[in-house]
Amino acid sequence: MKAMRTFERAFHDGWPYALLCLDIQMPNLDGQGVLDQVRKTEFQRGIWGGTGVKILMTTSLDDPKNILQAFRQQCDGYIVKPVGHEELLKQIESFGFVQPAQAAGKQ
């Protein structure tokens, strides 16, 4: 619940998040529920088709049911914990937030 209030407040204040990292196993409203609510909120505001916040699921759950559910609800990426630095950076690069290390001359 707190995650949704924070997301909505940031959106309302004109500073929407570019990236959300969600764990599926959160109290009250779990990460799958937050993902669903975020996408519904965006849809109500005319945001759809991958133009909203990038959502990365970071969780210890690696079963096909949770993975498929997350992608059906339009998550943008899914990483199973423990999350390594390189894996996280690669995912963030795929979202276009940073330049790949090779393109930036950092081989």
N, C-alpha and C. Protein backbone atom coordinates (compact mmCIF):
# COMPACT_ATOMS: atom_id res chain seq x y z
N MET A 1 0.81 -1.18 0.00
CA MET A 1 0.00 0.00 0.00
C MET A 1 0.87 1.26 0.00
N LYS A 2 1.92 1.26 0.81
CA LYS A 2 2.79 2.43 0.88
C LYS A 2 3.48 2.66 -0.46
N ALA A 3 3.85 1.58 -1.13
CA ALA A 3 4.49 1.71 -2.44
C ALA A 3 3.58 2.42 -3.43
N MET A 4 2.30 2.07 -3.43
CA MET A 4 1.36 2.70 -4.35
C MET A 4 1.13 4.17 -4.00
N ARG A 5 1.02 4.47 -2.72
CA ARG A 5 0.83 5.87 -2.31
C ARG A 5 2.04 6.71 -2.74
N THR A 6 3.22 6.17 -2.56
CA THR A 6 4.44 6.89 -2.94
C THR A 6 4.50 7.09 -4.46
N PHE A 7 4.17 6.05 -5.21
CA PHE A 7 4.15 6.14 -6.68
C PHE A 7 3.16 7.20 -7.14
N GLU A 8 1.95 7.15 -6.60
CA GLU A 8 0.91 8.09 -7.01
C GLU A 8 1.25 9.53 -6.62
N ARG A 9 1.85 9.70 -5.44
CA ARG A 9 2.24 11.05 -5.00
C ARG A 9 3.31 11.63 -5.93
N ALA A 10 4.30 10.82 -6.28
CA ALA A 10 5.36 11.29 -7.18
C ALA A 10 4.78 11.66 -8.54
N PHE A 11 3.85 10.86 -9.02
CA PHE A 11 3.21 11.15 -10.29
C PHE A 11 2.41 12.46 -10.20
N HIS A 12 1.65 12.59 -9.14
CA HIS A 12 0.82 13.79 -8.93
C HIS A 12 1.67 15.05 -8.80
N ASP A 13 2.83 14.93 -8.15
CA ASP A 13 3.71 16.08 -7.94
C ASP A 13 4.53 16.44 -9.17
N GLY A 14 4.38 15.67 -10.26
CA GLY A 14 5.11 15.98 -11.48
C GLY A 14 6.50 15.38 -11.55
N TRP A 15 6.81 14.47 -10.65
CA TRP A 15 8.11 13.82 -10.63
C TRP A 15 7.94 12.30 -10.68
N PRO A 16 7.34 11.78 -11.75
CA PRO A 16 7.09 10.33 -11.80
C PRO A 16 8.39 9.53 -11.83
N TYR A 17 8.33 8.37 -11.27
CA TYR A 17 9.49 7.48 -11.27
C TYR A 17 9.79 7.00 -12.68
N ALA A 18 11.05 6.82 -12.99
CA ALA A 18 11.47 6.23 -14.25
C ALA A 18 11.65 4.72 -14.09
N LEU A 19 12.00 4.28 -12.87
CA LEU A 19 12.27 2.87 -12.61
C LEU A 19 11.71 2.48 -11.25
N LEU A 20 11.01 1.35 -11.21
CA LEU A 20 10.58 0.74 -9.95
C LEU A 20 11.19 -0.65 -9.88
N CYS A 21 11.80 -0.97 -8.76
CA CYS A 21 12.29 -2.32 -8.49
C CYS A 21 11.36 -2.91 -7.44
N LEU A 22 10.71 -4.00 -7.79
CA LEU A 22 9.72 -4.60 -6.90
C LEU A 22 10.10 -6.02 -6.53
N ASP A 23 9.98 -6.33 -5.26
CA ASP A 23 10.10 -7.70 -4.79
C ASP A 23 8.69 -8.26 -4.74
N ILE A 24 8.52 -9.48 -5.16
CA ILE A 24 7.18 -10.07 -5.11
C ILE A 24 6.74 -10.26 -3.67
N GLN A 25 7.67 -10.62 -2.81
CA GLN A 25 7.34 -10.91 -1.42
C GLN A 25 7.43 -9.66 -0.56
N MET A 26 6.40 -8.81 -0.66
CA MET A 26 6.30 -7.61 0.17
C MET A 26 5.05 -7.75 1.03
N PRO A 27 5.05 -7.11 2.20
CA PRO A 27 3.86 -7.20 3.07
C PRO A 27 2.67 -6.44 2.49
N ASN A 28 1.50 -6.81 2.92
CA ASN A 28 0.24 -6.18 2.50
C ASN A 28 -0.01 -6.41 1.01
N LEU A 29 0.39 -5.50 0.17
CA LEU A 29 0.21 -5.63 -1.27
C LEU A 29 1.55 -6.08 -1.84
N ASP A 30 1.61 -7.32 -2.35
CA ASP A 30 2.89 -7.85 -2.83
C ASP A 30 3.29 -7.19 -4.16
N GLY A 31 4.49 -7.51 -4.62
CA GLY A 31 5.02 -6.89 -5.83
C GLY A 31 4.17 -7.12 -7.06
N GLN A 32 3.57 -8.30 -7.16
CA GLN A 32 2.68 -8.56 -8.30
C GLN A 32 1.47 -7.62 -8.23
N GLY A 33 0.94 -7.40 -7.03
CA GLY A 33 -0.19 -6.50 -6.86
C GLY A 33 0.18 -5.06 -7.16
N VAL A 34 1.37 -4.64 -6.72
CA VAL A 34 1.83 -3.28 -7.02
C VAL A 34 2.00 -3.11 -8.52
N LEU A 35 2.62 -4.08 -9.17
CA LEU A 35 2.80 -4.04 -10.62
C LEU A 35 1.45 -3.86 -11.32
N ASP A 36 0.47 -4.65 -10.93
CA ASP A 36 -0.86 -4.56 -11.51
C ASP A 36 -1.48 -3.18 -11.28
N GLN A 37 -1.38 -2.67 -10.07
CA GLN A 37 -1.96 -1.36 -9.74
C GLN A 37 -1.25 -0.23 -10.49
N VAL A 38 0.06 -0.31 -10.60
CA VAL A 38 0.82 0.73 -11.33
C VAL A 38 0.36 0.77 -12.78
N ARG A 39 0.26 -0.38 -13.41
CA ARG A 39 -0.16 -0.40 -14.82
C ARG A 39 -1.60 0.09 -14.98
N LYS A 40 -2.47 -0.25 -14.05
CA LYS A 40 -3.85 0.25 -14.10
C LYS A 40 -3.88 1.76 -13.93
N THR A 41 -3.09 2.28 -13.00
CA THR A 41 -3.01 3.72 -12.77
C THR A 41 -2.51 4.43 -14.02
N GLU A 42 -1.48 3.88 -14.64
CA GLU A 42 -0.95 4.48 -15.87
C GLU A 42 -2.01 4.46 -16.98
N PHE A 43 -2.68 3.34 -17.13
CA PHE A 43 -3.71 3.22 -18.16
C PHE A 43 -4.80 4.27 -17.97
N GLN A 44 -5.21 4.49 -16.72
CA GLN A 44 -6.23 5.50 -16.42
C GLN A 44 -5.76 6.90 -16.80
N ARG A 45 -4.45 7.10 -16.82
CA ARG A 45 -3.89 8.41 -17.17
C ARG A 45 -3.45 8.48 -18.63
N GLY A 46 -3.82 7.47 -19.41
CA GLY A 46 -3.49 7.47 -20.83
C GLY A 46 -2.08 7.04 -21.15
N ILE A 47 -1.44 6.35 -20.23
CA ILE A 47 -0.07 5.88 -20.43
C ILE A 47 -0.13 4.36 -20.63
N TRP A 48 0.33 3.89 -21.79
CA TRP A 48 0.34 2.46 -22.05
C TRP A 48 1.35 2.14 -23.12
N GLY A 49 1.50 0.85 -23.39
CA GLY A 49 2.38 0.42 -24.47
C GLY A 49 3.85 0.63 -24.22
N GLY A 50 4.31 0.44 -23.00
CA GLY A 50 5.72 0.55 -22.70
C GLY A 50 6.24 1.96 -22.51
N THR A 51 5.34 2.94 -22.44
CA THR A 51 5.78 4.32 -22.27
C THR A 51 5.78 4.78 -20.82
N GLY A 52 5.34 3.90 -19.92
CA GLY A 52 5.29 4.25 -18.50
C GLY A 52 6.59 3.93 -17.80
N VAL A 53 6.50 3.85 -16.48
CA VAL A 53 7.65 3.54 -15.65
C VAL A 53 8.18 2.15 -16.00
N LYS A 54 9.48 1.99 -16.02
CA LYS A 54 10.09 0.68 -16.21
C LYS A 54 10.00 -0.05 -14.87
N ILE A 55 9.55 -1.29 -14.91
CA ILE A 55 9.39 -2.07 -13.68
C ILE A 55 10.26 -3.31 -13.77
N LEU A 56 11.17 -3.40 -12.81
CA LEU A 56 12.09 -4.53 -12.70
C LEU A 56 11.72 -5.33 -11.46
N MET A 57 11.34 -6.57 -11.66
CA MET A 57 11.05 -7.44 -10.53
C MET A 57 12.39 -7.99 -10.03
N THR A 58 12.67 -7.80 -8.76
CA THR A 58 13.88 -8.32 -8.13
C THR A 58 13.42 -9.18 -6.97
N THR A 59 13.48 -10.49 -7.14
CA THR A 59 12.86 -11.39 -6.18
C THR A 59 13.60 -12.71 -6.09
N SER A 60 13.35 -13.42 -5.04
CA SER A 60 13.96 -14.75 -4.88
C SER A 60 13.11 -15.83 -5.55
N LEU A 61 11.93 -15.47 -6.03
CA LEU A 61 11.02 -16.43 -6.64
C LEU A 61 11.38 -16.63 -8.11
N ASP A 62 11.78 -17.85 -8.45
CA ASP A 62 12.19 -18.12 -9.83
C ASP A 62 11.31 -19.16 -10.52
N ASP A 63 10.10 -19.35 -9.98
CA ASP A 63 9.20 -20.34 -10.58
C ASP A 63 8.49 -19.75 -11.79
N PRO A 64 8.18 -20.59 -12.78
CA PRO A 64 7.55 -20.11 -14.00
C PRO A 64 6.23 -19.36 -13.77
N LYS A 65 5.45 -19.75 -12.78
CA LYS A 65 4.17 -19.10 -12.53
C LYS A 65 4.35 -17.62 -12.21
N ASN A 66 5.27 -17.30 -11.30
CA ASN A 66 5.51 -15.90 -10.93
C ASN A 66 6.14 -15.12 -12.06
N ILE A 67 7.06 -15.74 -12.77
CA ILE A 67 7.73 -15.05 -13.88
C ILE A 67 6.73 -14.71 -14.97
N LEU A 68 5.90 -15.69 -15.37
CA LEU A 68 4.90 -15.44 -16.41
C LEU A 68 3.88 -14.41 -15.97
N GLN A 69 3.44 -14.48 -14.72
CA GLN A 69 2.47 -13.52 -14.22
C GLN A 69 3.03 -12.10 -14.30
N ALA A 70 4.28 -11.94 -13.90
CA ALA A 70 4.90 -10.61 -13.93
C ALA A 70 4.97 -10.05 -15.35
N PHE A 71 5.37 -10.87 -16.30
CA PHE A 71 5.46 -10.39 -17.68
C PHE A 71 4.08 -10.18 -18.30
N ARG A 72 3.11 -10.98 -17.91
CA ARG A 72 1.74 -10.76 -18.40
C ARG A 72 1.19 -9.43 -17.88
N GLN A 73 1.63 -9.02 -16.70
CA GLN A 73 1.20 -7.75 -16.11
C GLN A 73 2.11 -6.60 -16.55
N GLN A 74 2.97 -6.88 -17.51
CA GLN A 74 3.82 -5.90 -18.18
C GLN A 74 5.00 -5.39 -17.37
N CYS A 75 5.66 -6.29 -16.64
CA CYS A 75 6.94 -5.88 -16.06
C CYS A 75 7.92 -5.78 -17.23
N ASP A 76 8.99 -5.06 -17.03
CA ASP A 76 9.97 -4.86 -18.09
C ASP A 76 11.20 -5.75 -17.94
N GLY A 77 11.38 -6.31 -16.75
CA GLY A 77 12.51 -7.19 -16.50
C GLY A 77 12.29 -7.97 -15.23
N TYR A 78 13.04 -9.07 -15.08
CA TYR A 78 12.87 -9.95 -13.93
C TYR A 78 14.24 -10.51 -13.58
N ILE A 79 14.71 -10.23 -12.37
CA ILE A 79 16.00 -10.74 -11.91
C ILE A 79 15.78 -11.51 -10.61
N VAL A 80 16.38 -12.69 -10.55
CA VAL A 80 16.26 -13.52 -9.35
C VAL A 80 17.42 -13.19 -8.41
N LYS A 81 17.08 -12.98 -7.14
CA LYS A 81 18.08 -12.69 -6.10
C LYS A 81 18.92 -13.93 -5.83
N PRO A 82 20.15 -13.73 -5.43
CA PRO A 82 20.82 -12.46 -5.20
C PRO A 82 21.16 -11.77 -6.52
N VAL A 83 20.99 -10.46 -6.54
CA VAL A 83 21.21 -9.66 -7.74
C VAL A 83 22.66 -9.21 -7.77
N GLY A 84 23.34 -9.58 -8.85
CA GLY A 84 24.73 -9.17 -9.02
C GLY A 84 24.81 -7.80 -9.69
N HIS A 85 25.89 -7.10 -9.44
CA HIS A 85 26.09 -5.75 -10.00
C HIS A 85 26.02 -5.78 -11.53
N GLU A 86 26.71 -6.70 -12.16
CA GLU A 86 26.74 -6.75 -13.62
C GLU A 86 25.36 -7.06 -14.19
N GLU A 87 24.65 -7.96 -13.56
CA GLU A 87 23.32 -8.32 -14.02
C GLU A 87 22.36 -7.12 -13.92
N LEU A 88 22.44 -6.42 -12.80
CA LEU A 88 21.58 -5.25 -12.61
C LEU A 88 21.93 -4.15 -13.62
N LEU A 89 23.21 -3.89 -13.82
CA LEU A 89 23.65 -2.88 -14.78
C LEU A 89 23.20 -3.24 -16.19
N LYS A 90 23.32 -4.51 -16.57
CA LYS A 90 22.89 -4.95 -17.89
C LYS A 90 21.39 -4.69 -18.08
N GLN A 91 20.61 -4.97 -17.05
CA GLN A 91 19.17 -4.76 -17.14
C GLN A 91 18.85 -3.27 -17.28
N ILE A 92 19.51 -2.44 -16.49
CA ILE A 92 19.29 -0.99 -16.55
C ILE A 92 19.72 -0.44 -17.91
N GLU A 93 20.81 -0.97 -18.45
CA GLU A 93 21.24 -0.56 -19.78
C GLU A 93 20.18 -0.91 -20.82
N SER A 94 19.54 -2.07 -20.67
CA SER A 94 18.52 -2.49 -21.64
C SER A 94 17.32 -1.56 -21.61
N PHE A 95 17.10 -0.86 -20.50
CA PHE A 95 16.01 0.10 -20.39
C PHE A 95 16.40 1.45 -21.01
N GLY A 96 17.67 1.62 -21.33
CA GLY A 96 18.13 2.86 -21.95
C GLY A 96 18.49 3.95 -20.96
N PHE A 97 18.65 3.61 -19.68
CA PHE A 97 18.97 4.62 -18.67
C PHE A 97 20.46 4.98 -18.65
N VAL A 98 21.31 4.05 -19.03
CA VAL A 98 22.75 4.31 -19.10
C VAL A 98 23.28 3.69 -20.38
N GLN A 99 24.40 4.19 -20.83
CA GLN A 99 25.04 3.64 -22.03
C GLN A 99 25.76 2.35 -21.67
N PRO A 100 25.72 1.38 -22.56
CA PRO A 100 26.51 0.15 -22.33
C PRO A 100 27.98 0.50 -22.14
N ALA A 101 28.65 -0.26 -21.30
CA ALA A 101 30.04 0.00 -20.96
C ALA A 101 30.93 0.05 -22.20
N GLN A 102 30.72 -0.81 -23.17
CA GLN A 102 31.55 -0.81 -24.37
C GLN A 102 31.33 0.46 -25.19
N ALA A 103 30.10 0.90 -25.31
CA ALA A 103 29.81 2.11 -26.08
C ALA A 103 30.38 3.34 -25.41
N ALA A 104 30.52 3.29 -24.09
CA ALA A 104 31.06 4.42 -23.34
C ALA A 104 32.59 4.37 -23.27
N GLY A 105 33.20 3.35 -23.90
CA GLY A 105 34.65 3.23 -23.90
C GLY A 105 35.22 2.61 -22.66
N LYS A 106 34.40 1.90 -21.88
CA LYS A 106 34.86 1.26 -20.64
C LYS A 106 34.86 -0.25 -20.83
N GLN A 107 35.82 -0.76 -21.53
CA GLN A 107 35.85 -2.19 -21.82
C GLN A 107 36.43 -2.98 -20.71
